[in-house]
Amino acid sequence: MAVSTLGHRLSALRLCDATAIEAMRRSLSAHGQLSPIVVFAVGDGLEVLDGFKRVHAARELGLAELEAKTSAVGLIDAKVQLAAMHDGRHLTELEEAWLIRSLYREDGLSQGSIAQRLGRHKSWVCRRLLLVESLDDALQAEVRLGLLAPRAAVALAALPRGNQRPASAITIRRGLTVRQTELFVAEILEQPDDATRASFLARRLDAPGGPRAPLRPPTRALRNEADWMAADVATVLRIAARLQARLLATPLCTMGPAGAVVFDGLVALAPVISTLAETIASITAKDHVA
């Protein structure tokens, strides 16, 4: 199959792991395609059902064709098959929730029908649907970008929508683990009312030390300024490479409402990176390290 003709609408139901795509790219480059992708027909076109990483990697490598086999299913059955292929192995709670929302909102299936098709109880379907519809789109975008762990997003979904974005910002800024995020959410929910919760989060956002959620104790001596700068440089290099890979691998138009959030973030990010580049050029032109 010609890679350029393959659709990827179902990729919006999966998380895109830049590390896994890079590993696939190396594998394709070194060994070629080891197994066929699976596609299905929608109208006059073909959509990928299994093999998203192979397709992403092939596009990055400029490959014209991939070996493929066709599954004789429609769009709804393809989504059901996607869940069955990864049952108990790879789908996160959030990916399951995206799939169920798609079947419910886009395809018009009832919760009972979805439960029957997926071999699940109706209450399981209801819980997944409540999860994704209670989670702010911005947080879902952060999960897709790799800024927020899927299980941390699930924990944050327990908060009222108005509290989710600041709580997520604190979680990301402080690098909280999933367990720490759960404890932080519990602390927020202990606040008696909306105003108190908002004040609590505002104080944590403004505090230079971050939130009062349990954090790992320091395991090494305090860093000096050079250590912090070196660590920041390493972090920016790592995150920049990951972000570039994800931007190349997943078009914003496939992300639905979350794509608009990512777009706004990129617009805000561009001048920051430009200013940083100017500062680096200026500093490196003046300073000479012995």
Foldseek 3Di string as FASTA:
>chain_A
DFLVQEAELLCLLDADFLVVLVVLLVCCVPPNDPDAWEWEDDPPGIYTLGDLSVSLSCVVVVNGDTHYDYDHDYPLVSLLVSCVVQPPHDDDLQSVLSSLCCCCVVVPDDLVVVCVSNVHDSVSSVVSPLQNVLQDLQVVLCCSLVLDPPLLSSLLSVDHRVLSVLLSVLCSVVVDDSVLSNQVSVVLVVQDDDVRSVVQSVCQVPDPVHHPGDDDDDDDDDDDPVVVVVVVVVVCVVSVVSNVSSCSRDPLVSNPPSSVVVVVVVVVVVVVVVVVVVVVVVCVVPDDDD
